[in-house]
Amino acid sequence: LRRAGLSDAIDVVLSTDVVRSFKPSPRAYQLGVDALQL
């Protein structure tokens, strides 16, 4: 994002690394739900 000049364009940047899994695991998609509180 920094190299593309888009660091400020995204509100929340989430890596599935946090849940030690990958999409399409439900735990990966849950990251956005939790972070955005939606």
PDB file of all heavy atoms in Angstrom:
ATOM      1  N   LEU A   1       0.824  -1.210   0.000  1.00  0.00           N
ATOM      2  CA  LEU A   1       0.000   0.000   0.000  1.00  0.00           C
ATOM      3  C   LEU A   1       0.859   1.262   0.000  1.00  0.00           C
ATOM      4  O   LEU A   1       0.550   2.236  -0.692  1.00  0.00           O
ATOM      5  CB  LEU A   1      -0.948   0.000   1.196  1.00  0.00           C
ATOM      6  CG  LEU A   1      -2.092  -1.007   1.125  1.00  0.00           C
ATOM      7  CD1 LEU A   1      -2.803  -1.112   2.470  1.00  0.00           C
ATOM      8  CD2 LEU A   1      -3.087  -0.621   0.028  1.00  0.00           C
ATOM      9  N   ARG A   2       1.951   1.232   0.764  1.00  0.00           N
ATOM     10  CA  ARG A   2       2.860   2.384   0.806  1.00  0.00           C
ATOM     11  C   ARG A   2       3.465   2.633  -0.577  1.00  0.00           C
ATOM     12  O   ARG A   2       3.463   3.753  -1.082  1.00  0.00           O
ATOM     13  CB  ARG A   2       3.964   2.147   1.837  1.00  0.00           C
ATOM     14  CG  ARG A   2       4.930   3.335   1.973  1.00  0.00           C
ATOM     15  CD  ARG A   2       6.167   2.971   2.774  1.00  0.00           C
ATOM     16  NE  ARG A   2       6.849   1.778   2.310  1.00  0.00           N
ATOM     17  CZ  ARG A   2       7.603   1.692   1.207  1.00  0.00           C
ATOM     18  NH1 ARG A   2       7.749   2.741   0.416  1.00  0.00           N
ATOM     19  NH2 ARG A   2       8.190   0.563   0.872  1.00  0.00           N
ATOM     20  N   ARG A   3       3.973   1.578  -1.218  1.00  0.00           N
ATOM     21  CA  ARG A   3       4.595   1.730  -2.542  1.00  0.00           C
ATOM     22  C   ARG A   3       3.594   2.235  -3.583  1.00  0.00           C
ATOM     23  O   ARG A   3       3.954   2.982  -4.484  1.00  0.00           O
ATOM     24  CB  ARG A   3       5.206   0.404  -3.016  1.00  0.00           C
ATOM     25  CG  ARG A   3       6.538   0.090  -2.384  1.00  0.00           C
ATOM     26  CD  ARG A   3       7.197  -1.174  -2.936  1.00  0.00           C
ATOM     27  NE  ARG A   3       6.444  -2.380  -2.634  1.00  0.00           N
ATOM     28  CZ  ARG A   3       5.603  -2.996  -3.466  1.00  0.00           C
ATOM     29  NH1 ARG A   3       5.429  -2.554  -4.685  1.00  0.00           N
ATOM     30  NH2 ARG A   3       4.946  -4.079  -3.089  1.00  0.00           N
ATOM     31  N   ALA A   4       2.328   1.826  -3.442  1.00  0.00           N
ATOM     32  CA  ALA A   4       1.292   2.249  -4.393  1.00  0.00           C
ATOM     33  C   ALA A   4       0.723   3.626  -4.062  1.00  0.00           C
ATOM     34  O   ALA A   4      -0.098   4.153  -4.801  1.00  0.00           O
ATOM     35  CB  ALA A   4       0.169   1.221  -4.417  1.00  0.00           C
ATOM     36  N   GLY A   5       1.145   4.201  -2.930  1.00  0.00           N
ATOM     37  CA  GLY A   5       0.616   5.494  -2.514  1.00  0.00           C
ATOM     38  C   GLY A   5      -0.820   5.402  -2.015  1.00  0.00           C
ATOM     39  O   GLY A   5      -1.573   6.374  -2.098  1.00  0.00           O
ATOM     40  N   LEU A   6      -1.194   4.239  -1.490  1.00  0.00           N
ATOM     41  CA  LEU A   6      -2.573   4.018  -1.062  1.00  0.00           C
ATOM     42  C   LEU A   6      -2.725   3.771   0.433  1.00  0.00           C
ATOM     43  O   LEU A   6      -3.778   3.329   0.885  1.00  0.00           O
ATOM     44  CB  LEU A   6      -3.167   2.835  -1.836  1.00  0.00           C
ATOM     45  CG  LEU A   6      -3.283   3.017  -3.348  1.00  0.00           C
ATOM     46  CD1 LEU A   6      -3.718   1.720  -4.016  1.00  0.00           C
ATOM     47  CD2 LEU A   6      -4.244   4.154  -3.671  1.00  0.00           C
ATOM     48  N   SER A   7      -1.703   4.052   1.201  1.00  0.00           N
ATOM     49  CA  SER A   7      -1.767   3.794   2.645  1.00  0.00           C
ATOM     50  C   SER A   7      -2.949   4.484   3.310  1.00  0.00           C
ATOM     51  O   SER A   7      -3.569   3.924   4.222  1.00  0.00           O
ATOM     52  CB  SER A   7      -0.467   4.221   3.326  1.00  0.00           C
ATOM     53  OG  SER A   7       0.600   3.439   2.869  1.00  0.00           O
ATOM     54  N   ASP A   8      -3.272   5.674   2.868  1.00  0.00           N
ATOM     55  CA  ASP A   8      -4.378   6.421   3.478  1.00  0.00           C
ATOM     56  C   ASP A   8      -5.731   6.116   2.838  1.00  0.00           C
ATOM     57  O   ASP A   8      -6.749   6.639   3.290  1.00  0.00           O
ATOM     58  CB  ASP A   8      -4.105   7.924   3.397  1.00  0.00           C
ATOM     59  CG  ASP A   8      -2.905   8.337   4.238  1.00  0.00           C
ATOM     60  OD1 ASP A   8      -2.619   7.637   5.234  1.00  0.00           O
ATOM     61  OD2 ASP A   8      -2.257   9.340   3.898  1.00  0.00           O
ATOM     62  N   ALA A   9      -5.751   5.284   1.800  1.00  0.00           N
ATOM     63  CA  ALA A   9      -6.993   5.004   1.085  1.00  0.00           C
ATOM     64  C   ALA A   9      -7.829   3.925   1.755  1.00  0.00           C
ATOM     65  O   ALA A   9      -9.020   3.802   1.491  1.00  0.00           O
ATOM     66  CB  ALA A   9      -6.689   4.581  -0.353  1.00  0.00           C
ATOM     67  N   ILE A  10      -7.215   3.156   2.630  1.00  0.00           N
ATOM     68  CA  ILE A  10      -7.882   2.020   3.267  1.00  0.00           C
ATOM     69  C   ILE A  10      -7.992   2.283   4.763  1.00  0.00           C
ATOM     70  O   ILE A  10      -7.009   2.609   5.417  1.00  0.00           O
ATOM     71  CB  ILE A  10      -7.097   0.712   3.018  1.00  0.00           C
ATOM     72  CG1 ILE A  10      -6.839   0.483   1.526  1.00  0.00           C
ATOM     73  CG2 ILE A  10      -7.806  -0.479   3.650  1.00  0.00           C
ATOM     74  CD1 ILE A  10      -8.064   0.237   0.696  1.00  0.00           C
ATOM     75  N   ASP A  11      -9.187   2.094   5.310  1.00  0.00           N
ATOM     76  CA  ASP A  11      -9.408   2.327   6.741  1.00  0.00           C
ATOM     77  C   ASP A  11      -8.794   1.234   7.606  1.00  0.00           C
ATOM     78  O   ASP A  11      -8.186   1.519   8.637  1.00  0.00           O
ATOM     79  CB  ASP A  11     -10.912   2.413   7.035  1.00  0.00           C
ATOM     80  CG  ASP A  11     -11.564   3.575   6.327  1.00  0.00           C
ATOM     81  OD1 ASP A  11     -11.172   4.724   6.612  1.00  0.00           O
ATOM     82  OD2 ASP A  11     -12.442   3.334   5.477  1.00  0.00           O
ATOM     83  N   VAL A  12      -8.993  -0.015   7.214  1.00  0.00           N
ATOM     84  CA  VAL A  12      -8.539  -1.147   8.018  1.00  0.00           C
ATOM     85  C   VAL A  12      -7.880  -2.168   7.095  1.00  0.00           C
ATOM     86  O   VAL A  12      -8.501  -2.610   6.125  1.00  0.00           O
ATOM     87  CB  VAL A  12      -9.720  -1.808   8.769  1.00  0.00           C
ATOM     88  CG1 VAL A  12      -9.238  -2.979   9.609  1.00  0.00           C
ATOM     89  CG2 VAL A  12     -10.461  -0.796   9.632  1.00  0.00           C
ATOM     90  N   VAL A  13      -6.646  -2.523   7.407  1.00  0.00           N
ATOM     91  CA  VAL A  13      -5.892  -3.513   6.622  1.00  0.00           C
ATOM     92  C   VAL A  13      -5.661  -4.722   7.513  1.00  0.00           C
ATOM     93  O   VAL A  13      -4.993  -4.637   8.541  1.00  0.00           O
ATOM     94  CB  VAL A  13      -4.547  -2.930   6.131  1.00  0.00           C
ATOM     95  CG1 VAL A  13      -3.774  -3.964   5.326  1.00  0.00           C
ATOM     96  CG2 VAL A  13      -4.780  -1.660   5.313  1.00  0.00           C
ATOM     97  N   LEU A  14      -6.232  -5.859   7.102  1.00  0.00           N
ATOM     98  CA  LEU A  14      -6.203  -7.067   7.929  1.00  0.00           C
ATOM     99  C   LEU A  14      -5.509  -8.220   7.213  1.00  0.00           C
ATOM    100  O   LEU A  14      -5.831  -8.524   6.059  1.00  0.00           O
ATOM    101  CB  LEU A  14      -7.633  -7.487   8.279  1.00  0.00           C
ATOM    102  CG  LEU A  14      -8.466  -6.442   9.000  1.00  0.00           C
ATOM    103  CD1 LEU A  14      -9.942  -6.821   8.955  1.00  0.00           C
ATOM    104  CD2 LEU A  14      -7.985  -6.302  10.433  1.00  0.00           C
ATOM    105  N   SER A  15      -4.622  -8.865   7.929  1.00  0.00           N
ATOM    106  CA  SER A  15      -3.956 -10.063   7.425  1.00  0.00           C
ATOM    107  C   SER A  15      -4.509 -11.285   8.142  1.00  0.00           C
ATOM    108  O   SER A  15      -4.649 -11.295   9.371  1.00  0.00           O
ATOM    109  CB  SER A  15      -2.449  -9.970   7.677  1.00  0.00           C
ATOM    110  OG  SER A  15      -1.846 -11.230   7.468  1.00  0.00           O
ATOM    111  N   THR A  16      -4.779 -12.332   7.387  1.00  0.00           N
ATOM    112  CA  THR A  16      -5.244 -13.581   7.987  1.00  0.00           C
ATOM    113  C   THR A  16      -4.160 -14.213   8.851  1.00  0.00           C
ATOM    114  O   THR A  16      -4.441 -15.147   9.607  1.00  0.00           O
ATOM    115  CB  THR A  16      -5.702 -14.587   6.917  1.00  0.00           C
ATOM    116  OG1 THR A  16      -4.610 -14.877   6.046  1.00  0.00           O
ATOM    117  CG2 THR A  16      -6.881 -14.037   6.127  1.00  0.00           C
ATOM    118  N   ASP A  17      -2.971 -13.685   8.758  1.00  0.00           N
ATOM    119  CA  ASP A  17      -1.855 -14.115   9.613  1.00  0.00           C
ATOM    120  C   ASP A  17      -2.261 -14.058  11.099  1.00  0.00           C
ATOM    121  O   ASP A  17      -1.841 -14.886  11.888  1.00  0.00           O
ATOM    122  CB  ASP A  17      -0.674 -13.164   9.365  1.00  0.00           C
ATOM    123  CG  ASP A  17       0.674 -13.820   9.480  1.00  0.00           C
ATOM    124  OD1 ASP A  17       0.795 -15.024   9.193  1.00  0.00           O
ATOM    125  OD2 ASP A  17       1.620 -13.112   9.858  1.00  0.00           O
ATOM    126  N   VAL A  18      -3.104 -13.085  11.446  1.00  0.00           N
ATOM    127  CA  VAL A  18      -3.541 -12.877  12.825  1.00  0.00           C
ATOM    128  C   VAL A  18      -4.276 -14.106  13.377  1.00  0.00           C
ATOM    129  O   VAL A  18      -4.120 -14.456  14.543  1.00  0.00           O
ATOM    130  CB  VAL A  18      -4.448 -11.626  12.930  1.00  0.00           C
ATOM    131  CG1 VAL A  18      -5.061 -11.476  14.298  1.00  0.00           C
ATOM    132  CG2 VAL A  18      -3.681 -10.387  12.558  1.00  0.00           C
ATOM    133  N   VAL A  19      -5.063 -14.752  12.511  1.00  0.00           N
ATOM    134  CA  VAL A  19      -5.809 -15.939  12.954  1.00  0.00           C
ATOM    135  C   VAL A  19      -5.097 -17.231  12.550  1.00  0.00           C
ATOM    136  O   VAL A  19      -5.634 -18.320  12.744  1.00  0.00           O
ATOM    137  CB  VAL A  19      -7.272 -15.934  12.431  1.00  0.00           C
ATOM    138  CG1 VAL A  19      -8.060 -14.806  13.083  1.00  0.00           C
ATOM    139  CG2 VAL A  19      -7.335 -15.883  10.922  1.00  0.00           C
ATOM    140  N   ARG A  20      -3.905 -17.101  11.978  1.00  0.00           N
ATOM    141  CA  ARG A  20      -3.086 -18.245  11.580  1.00  0.00           C
ATOM    142  C   ARG A  20      -3.870 -19.221  10.710  1.00  0.00           C
ATOM    143  O   ARG A  20      -3.885 -20.423  10.919  1.00  0.00           O
ATOM    144  CB  ARG A  20      -2.479 -18.924  12.798  1.00  0.00           C
ATOM    145  CG  ARG A  20      -1.590 -17.964  13.595  1.00  0.00           C
ATOM    146  CD  ARG A  20      -0.873 -18.585  14.744  1.00  0.00           C
ATOM    147  NE  ARG A  20       0.009 -19.683  14.418  1.00  0.00           N
ATOM    148  CZ  ARG A  20       1.212 -19.606  13.825  1.00  0.00           C
ATOM    149  NH1 ARG A  20       1.672 -18.422  13.492  1.00  0.00           N
ATOM    150  NH2 ARG A  20       1.927 -20.672  13.591  1.00  0.00           N
ATOM    151  N   SER A  21      -4.530 -18.630   9.707  1.00  0.00           N
ATOM    152  CA  SER A  21      -5.291 -19.404   8.745  1.00  0.00           C
ATOM    153  C   SER A  21      -5.341 -18.615   7.446  1.00  0.00           C
ATOM    154  O   SER A  21      -4.662 -17.599   7.309  1.00  0.00           O
ATOM    155  CB  SER A  21      -6.697 -19.697   9.279  1.00  0.00           C
ATOM    156  OG  SER A  21      -7.327 -20.670   8.487  1.00  0.00           O
ATOM    157  N   PHE A  22      -6.129 -19.078   6.515  1.00  0.00           N
ATOM    158  CA  PHE A  22      -6.258 -18.414   5.223  1.00  0.00           C
ATOM    159  C   PHE A  22      -7.717 -18.400   4.800  1.00  0.00           C
ATOM    160  O   PHE A  22      -8.504 -19.260   5.197  1.00  0.00           O
ATOM    161  CB  PHE A  22      -5.459 -19.174   4.146  1.00  0.00           C
ATOM    162  CG  PHE A  22      -3.974 -19.151   4.366  1.00  0.00           C
ATOM    163  CD1 PHE A  22      -3.317 -20.254   4.893  1.00  0.00           C
ATOM    164  CD2 PHE A  22      -3.219 -18.033   4.034  1.00  0.00           C
ATOM    165  CE1 PHE A  22      -1.939 -20.245   5.083  1.00  0.00           C
ATOM    166  CE2 PHE A  22      -1.848 -18.015   4.227  1.00  0.00           C
ATOM    167  CZ  PHE A  22      -1.205 -19.124   4.753  1.00  0.00           C
ATOM    168  N   LYS A  23      -8.067 -17.422   3.961  1.00  0.00           N
ATOM    169  CA  LYS A  23      -9.364 -17.478   3.303  1.00  0.00           C
ATOM    170  C   LYS A  23      -9.354 -18.737   2.439  1.00  0.00           C
ATOM    171  O   LYS A  23      -8.316 -19.054   1.880  1.00  0.00           O
ATOM    172  CB  LYS A  23      -9.593 -16.251   2.430  1.00  0.00           C
ATOM    173  CG  LYS A  23      -9.675 -14.950   3.202  1.00  0.00           C
ATOM    174  CD  LYS A  23      -9.927 -13.758   2.304  1.00  0.00           C
ATOM    175  CE  LYS A  23      -8.744 -13.485   1.407  1.00  0.00           C
ATOM    176  NZ  LYS A  23      -8.944 -12.380   0.488  1.00  0.00           N
ATOM    177  N   PRO A  24     -10.429 -19.478   2.379  1.00  0.00           N
ATOM    178  CA  PRO A  24     -11.794 -19.166   2.740  1.00  0.00           C
ATOM    179  C   PRO A  24     -12.234 -19.654   4.120  1.00  0.00           C
ATOM    180  O   PRO A  24     -13.427 -19.873   4.337  1.00  0.00           O
ATOM    181  CB  PRO A  24     -12.603 -19.859   1.646  1.00  0.00           C
ATOM    182  CG  PRO A  24     -11.821 -21.088   1.350  1.00  0.00           C
ATOM    183  CD  PRO A  24     -10.375 -20.670   1.504  1.00  0.00           C
ATOM    184  N   SER A  25     -11.336 -19.791   5.050  1.00  0.00           N
ATOM    185  CA  SER A  25     -11.740 -20.150   6.408  1.00  0.00           C
ATOM    186  C   SER A  25     -12.676 -19.073   6.965  1.00  0.00           C
ATOM    187  O   SER A  25     -12.398 -17.876   6.829  1.00  0.00           O
ATOM    188  CB  SER A  25     -10.513 -20.260   7.316  1.00  0.00           C
ATOM    189  OG  SER A  25     -10.897 -20.292   8.671  1.00  0.00           O
ATOM    190  N   PRO A  26     -13.770 -19.462   7.595  1.00  0.00           N
ATOM    191  CA  PRO A  26     -14.653 -18.472   8.217  1.00  0.00           C
ATOM    192  C   PRO A  26     -13.909 -17.565   9.200  1.00  0.00           C
ATOM    193  O   PRO A  26     -14.258 -16.394   9.346  1.00  0.00           O
ATOM    194  CB  PRO A  26     -15.706 -19.320   8.931  1.00  0.00           C
ATOM    195  CG  PRO A  26     -15.728 -20.606   8.164  1.00  0.00           C
ATOM    196  CD  PRO A  26     -14.305 -20.831   7.722  1.00  0.00           C
ATOM    197  N   ARG A  27     -12.857 -18.083   9.838  1.00  0.00           N
ATOM    198  CA  ARG A  27     -12.086 -17.244  10.773  1.00  0.00           C
ATOM    199  C   ARG A  27     -11.449 -16.067  10.047  1.00  0.00           C
ATOM    200  O   ARG A  27     -11.297 -14.985  10.616  1.00  0.00           O
ATOM    201  CB  ARG A  27     -11.009 -18.071  11.470  1.00  0.00           C
ATOM    202  CG  ARG A  27     -11.578 -19.088  12.428  1.00  0.00           C
ATOM    203  CD  ARG A  27     -10.517 -19.795  13.214  1.00  0.00           C
ATOM    204  NE  ARG A  27      -9.465 -20.307  12.358  1.00  0.00           N
ATOM    205  CZ  ARG A  27      -8.250 -20.629  12.758  1.00  0.00           C
ATOM    206  NH1 ARG A  27      -7.901 -20.491  14.015  1.00  0.00           N
ATOM    207  NH2 ARG A  27      -7.357 -21.099  11.928  1.00  0.00           N
ATOM    208  N   ALA A  28     -11.073 -16.258   8.794  1.00  0.00           N
ATOM    209  CA  ALA A  28     -10.472 -15.173   8.013  1.00  0.00           C
ATOM    210  C   ALA A  28     -11.504 -14.084   7.719  1.00  0.00           C
ATOM    211  O   ALA A  28     -11.244 -12.892   7.911  1.00  0.00           O
ATOM    212  CB  ALA A  28      -9.884 -15.724   6.720  1.00  0.00           C
ATOM    213  N   TYR A  29     -12.693 -14.479   7.276  1.00  0.00           N
ATOM    214  CA  TYR A  29     -13.728 -13.492   6.968  1.00  0.00           C
ATOM    215  C   TYR A  29     -14.251 -12.807   8.233  1.00  0.00           C
ATOM    216  O   TYR A  29     -14.657 -11.649   8.188  1.00  0.00           O
ATOM    217  CB  TYR A  29     -14.881 -14.150   6.198  1.00  0.00           C
ATOM    218  CG  TYR A  29     -14.445 -14.718   4.867  1.00  0.00           C
ATOM    219  CD1 TYR A  29     -14.487 -16.076   4.621  1.00  0.00           C
ATOM    220  CD2 TYR A  29     -13.980 -13.886   3.853  1.00  0.00           C
ATOM    221  CE1 TYR A  29     -14.085 -16.606   3.404  1.00  0.00           C
ATOM    222  CE2 TYR A  29     -13.563 -14.396   2.638  1.00  0.00           C
ATOM    223  CZ  TYR A  29     -13.620 -15.762   2.420  1.00  0.00           C
ATOM    224  OH  TYR A  29     -13.211 -16.269   1.219  1.00  0.00           O
ATOM    225  N   GLN A  30     -14.208 -13.500   9.340  1.00  0.00           N
ATOM    226  CA  GLN A  30     -14.660 -12.924  10.614  1.00  0.00           C
ATOM    227  C   GLN A  30     -13.791 -11.733  11.023  1.00  0.00           C
ATOM    228  O   GLN A  30     -14.247 -10.850  11.751  1.00  0.00           O
ATOM    229  CB  GLN A  30     -14.661 -13.999  11.708  1.00  0.00           C
ATOM    230  CG  GLN A  30     -15.239 -13.547  13.036  1.00  0.00           C
ATOM    231  CD  GLN A  30     -16.723 -13.230  12.971  1.00  0.00           C
ATOM    232  OE1 GLN A  30     -17.495 -13.894  12.280  1.00  0.00           O
ATOM    233  NE2 GLN A  30     -17.142 -12.205  13.690  1.00  0.00           N
ATOM    234  N   LEU A  31     -12.550 -11.693  10.552  1.00  0.00           N
ATOM    235  CA  LEU A  31     -11.654 -10.573  10.872  1.00  0.00           C
ATOM    236  C   LEU A  31     -12.300  -9.233  10.523  1.00  0.00           C
ATOM    237  O   LEU A  31     -12.251  -8.287  11.310  1.00  0.00           O
ATOM    238  CB  LEU A  31     -10.324 -10.699  10.124  1.00  0.00           C
ATOM    239  CG  LEU A  31      -9.343 -11.715  10.634  1.00  0.00           C
ATOM    240  CD1 LEU A  31      -8.208 -11.922   9.622  1.00  0.00           C
ATOM    241  CD2 LEU A  31      -8.788 -11.270  11.978  1.00  0.00           C
ATOM    242  N   GLY A  32     -12.893  -9.143   9.340  1.00  0.00           N
ATOM    243  CA  GLY A  32     -13.519  -7.894   8.922  1.00  0.00           C
ATOM    244  C   GLY A  32     -14.725  -7.542   9.760  1.00  0.00           C
ATOM    245  O   GLY A  32     -14.934  -6.375  10.111  1.00  0.00           O
ATOM    246  N   VAL A  33     -15.525  -8.543  10.082  1.00  0.00           N
ATOM    247  CA  VAL A  33     -16.704  -8.331  10.926  1.00  0.00           C
ATOM    248  C   VAL A  33     -16.279  -7.752  12.267  1.00  0.00           C
ATOM    249  O   VAL A  33     -16.846  -6.766  12.743  1.00  0.00           O
ATOM    250  CB  VAL A  33     -17.482  -9.663  11.112  1.00  0.00           C
ATOM    251  CG1 VAL A  33     -18.584  -9.509  12.150  1.00  0.00           C
ATOM    252  CG2 VAL A  33     -18.036 -10.145   9.778  1.00  0.00           C
ATOM    253  N   ASP A  34     -15.269  -8.359  12.875  1.00  0.00           N
ATOM    254  CA  ASP A  34     -14.799  -7.904  14.186  1.00  0.00           C
ATOM    255  C   ASP A  34     -14.169  -6.517  14.121  1.00  0.00           C
ATOM    256  O   ASP A  34     -14.439  -5.667  14.967  1.00  0.00           O
ATOM    257  CB  ASP A  34     -13.789  -8.907  14.764  1.00  0.00           C
ATOM    258  CG  ASP A  34     -14.426 -10.252  15.093  1.00  0.00           C
ATOM    259  OD1 ASP A  34     -15.670 -10.343  15.193  1.00  0.00           O
ATOM    260  OD2 ASP A  34     -13.663 -11.229  15.233  1.00  0.00           O
ATOM    261  N   ALA A  35     -13.338  -6.281  13.116  1.00  0.00           N
ATOM    262  CA  ALA A  35     -12.639  -5.000  13.016  1.00  0.00           C
ATOM    263  C   ALA A  35     -13.580  -3.842  12.715  1.00  0.00           C
ATOM    264  O   ALA A  35     -13.428  -2.746  13.258  1.00  0.00           O
ATOM    265  CB  ALA A  35     -11.551  -5.071  11.950  1.00  0.00           C
ATOM    266  N   LEU A  36     -14.548  -4.079  11.850  1.00  0.00           N
ATOM    267  CA  LEU A  36     -15.471  -3.015  11.455  1.00  0.00           C
ATOM    268  C   LEU A  36     -16.678  -2.909  12.385  1.00  0.00           C
ATOM    269  O   LEU A  36     -17.439  -1.953  12.297  1.00  0.00           O
ATOM    270  CB  LEU A  36     -15.941  -3.242  10.013  1.00  0.00           C
ATOM    271  CG  LEU A  36     -14.839  -3.208   8.956  1.00  0.00           C
ATOM    272  CD1 LEU A  36     -15.382  -3.639   7.602  1.00  0.00           C
ATOM    273  CD2 LEU A  36     -14.203  -1.834   8.876  1.00  0.00           C
ATOM    274  N   GLN A  37     -16.851  -3.912  13.227  1.00  0.00           N
ATOM    275  CA  GLN A  37     -17.981  -3.964  14.156  1.00  0.00           C
ATOM    276  C   GLN A  37     -19.311  -3.823  13.413  1.00  0.00           C
ATOM    277  O   GLN A  37     -20.182  -3.041  13.795  1.00  0.00           O
ATOM    278  CB  GLN A  37     -17.830  -2.925  15.268  1.00  0.00           C
ATOM    279  CG  GLN A  37     -16.597  -3.172  16.107  1.00  0.00           C
ATOM    280  CD  GLN A  37     -16.461  -2.186  17.242  1.00  0.00           C
ATOM    281  OE1 GLN A  37     -17.187  -1.218  17.365  1.00  0.00           O
ATOM    282  NE2 GLN A  37     -15.501  -2.461  18.101  1.00  0.00           N
ATOM    283  N   LEU A  38     -19.413  -4.611  12.351  1.00  0.00           N
ATOM    284  CA  LEU A  38     -20.622  -4.676  11.549  1.00  0.00           C
ATOM    285  C   LEU A  38     -21.053  -6.135  11.443  1.00  0.00           C
ATOM    286  O   LEU A  38     -20.247  -7.041  11.653  1.00  0.00           O
ATOM    287  CB  LEU A  38     -20.359  -4.132  10.142  1.00  0.00           C
ATOM    288  CG  LEU A  38     -19.995  -2.657  10.023  1.00  0.00           C
ATOM    289  CD1 LEU A  38     -19.507  -2.337   8.615  1.00  0.00           C
ATOM    290  CD2 LEU A  38     -21.194  -1.787  10.385  1.00  0.00           C
TER     291      LEU A  38
END
